[in-house]
Structures are given as structure tokens and as C-alpha cells.
Protein backbone atom coordinates (compact mmCIF):
# COMPACT_ATOMS: atom_id res chain seq x y z
CA UNK A 1 -17.85 -16.94 24.19
CA UNK A 2 -16.01 -15.39 21.19
CA UNK A 3 -13.49 -17.23 19.11
CA UNK A 4 -10.44 -15.49 18.63
CA UNK A 5 -7.63 -16.15 15.73
CA UNK A 6 -4.62 -16.84 17.54
CA UNK A 7 -2.63 -15.10 14.65
CA UNK A 8 -4.01 -11.66 14.58
CA UNK A 9 -6.14 -11.40 17.96
CA UNK A 10 -9.38 -10.68 16.14
CA UNK A 11 -12.73 -12.34 16.71
CA UNK A 12 -14.26 -14.24 13.82
CA UNK A 13 -17.08 -11.72 13.89
CA UNK A 14 -14.61 -8.95 13.60
CA UNK A 15 -12.62 -10.57 10.71
CA UNK A 16 -16.18 -11.20 8.96
CA UNK A 17 -17.15 -7.49 9.42
CA UNK A 18 -13.84 -6.63 7.79
CA UNK A 19 -14.28 -8.97 4.95
CA UNK A 20 -17.60 -7.53 4.29
CA UNK A 21 -16.21 -3.90 4.47
CA UNK A 22 -13.44 -4.95 1.86
CA UNK A 23 -16.00 -6.37 -0.61
CA UNK A 24 -18.23 -3.29 -0.37
CA UNK A 25 -15.06 -1.20 -0.98
CA UNK A 26 -14.15 -3.08 -3.96
CA UNK A 27 -17.56 -3.10 -5.50
CA UNK A 28 -17.95 0.78 -4.92
CA UNK A 29 -14.54 1.48 -6.34
CA UNK A 30 -15.13 -0.94 -9.39
CA UNK A 31 -18.53 0.80 -10.02
CA UNK A 32 -17.03 4.26 -9.65
CA UNK A 33 -14.41 3.29 -12.31
CA UNK A 34 -16.88 2.04 -14.84
CA UNK A 35 -19.08 5.31 -14.13
CA UNK A 36 -15.99 7.24 -15.07
CA UNK A 37 -16.63 5.98 -18.72
CA UNK A 38 -20.44 5.22 -18.45
CA UNK A 39 -21.59 8.19 -16.33
CA UNK A 40 -25.31 7.72 -17.56
CA UNK A 41 -25.80 4.03 -16.77
CA UNK A 42 -28.67 4.13 -14.41
CA UNK A 43 -28.14 0.56 -13.12
CA UNK A 44 -24.48 1.39 -12.19
CA UNK A 45 -25.60 4.80 -10.64
CA UNK A 46 -28.03 2.83 -8.60
CA UNK A 47 -25.69 0.15 -7.51
CA UNK A 48 -22.83 2.55 -6.70
CA UNK A 49 -25.38 4.57 -4.39
CA UNK A 50 -26.62 1.23 -2.81
CA UNK A 51 -22.93 -0.04 -2.37
CA UNK A 52 -21.72 3.20 -0.92
CA UNK A 53 -24.64 3.52 1.54
CA UNK A 54 -24.04 -0.01 2.65
CA UNK A 55 -20.33 0.62 3.14
CA UNK A 56 -20.99 3.66 5.27
CA UNK A 57 -23.25 1.77 7.60
CA UNK A 58 -20.92 -1.15 7.86
CA UNK A 59 -17.94 1.21 8.54
CA UNK A 60 -19.99 3.00 11.15
CA UNK A 61 -21.02 -0.34 12.82
CA UNK A 62 -17.41 -1.71 12.69
CA UNK A 63 -15.90 1.61 14.21
CA UNK A 64 -18.54 1.71 16.95
CA UNK A 65 -17.71 -1.95 18.00
CA UNK A 66 -13.96 -2.07 17.33
CA UNK A 67 -12.52 1.44 16.98
CA UNK A 68 -11.29 3.23 13.76
CA UNK A 69 -10.71 1.61 10.55
CA UNK A 70 -8.01 4.26 9.71
CA UNK A 71 -6.11 6.95 11.06
CA UNK A 72 -8.21 9.38 9.05
CA UNK A 73 -11.25 8.47 11.06
CA UNK A 74 -12.22 11.28 13.63
CA UNK A 75 -11.80 9.97 17.08
CA UNK A 76 -14.76 10.32 19.38
CA UNK A 77 -13.28 9.21 22.64
CA UNK A 78 -10.76 10.71 24.84
CA UNK A 79 -7.93 8.37 23.80
CA UNK A 80 -6.20 7.46 20.46
CA UNK A 81 -7.98 4.09 19.95
CA UNK A 82 -6.38 3.56 16.34
CA UNK A 83 -3.31 1.89 17.58
CA UNK A 84 -5.36 -0.74 19.45
CA UNK A 85 -6.27 -2.03 16.22
CA UNK A 86 -4.09 -4.86 14.22
CA UNK A 87 -1.73 -3.01 11.94
CA UNK A 88 -2.39 -3.85 8.11
CA UNK A 89 0.42 -6.44 8.06
CA UNK A 90 -1.07 -8.28 10.92
CA UNK A 91 -4.36 -8.79 9.36
């Protein structure tokens, strides 16, 4: 039995997946900004690649389970599922 948050209708698993995606988005963006001024830092390059790869995997897993994260995601089904997700202000 899934536990749902009565406030936004999302399961705890869905909320946890979204939080992981947000963390990876932040880390990837932060490293990208750092790399703008330190383009030859091998550790930052490695970590950016690692985080970006994980972010892609997490997004794909989330979207396979719950539908698109944004209206820029290609819809693979025969219906527009983006409207089924909570709106940003509902999260």
C-alpha cells in the first residue's frame, strides 16, 4: 500500500524521486557554472559527467513511472500525460 500525501496527491516514493532529481539538477548546474570559470578542472569535469548521467537516468525512471516532468519532454503515448502531474505550485 502506497502512502499518499493528502496535500499534493503524490506518493512518498514519487516525492523522494523528485527530491533526488532536484538535488542532481542543482549539483549539475552548480558544477556547470564552476566549469565556466575552471574549464580544465578534471575533478569537476568528472563529477559533472557523473551527475549529469545520474540525472538522465533518474529523469527517465521517474517519467517511465509517473509521466513527463515538463512539457518539453517528448510524449511517447497516445495522450498528453503532462496535465496529470501536479502543477509546480502544487508540489
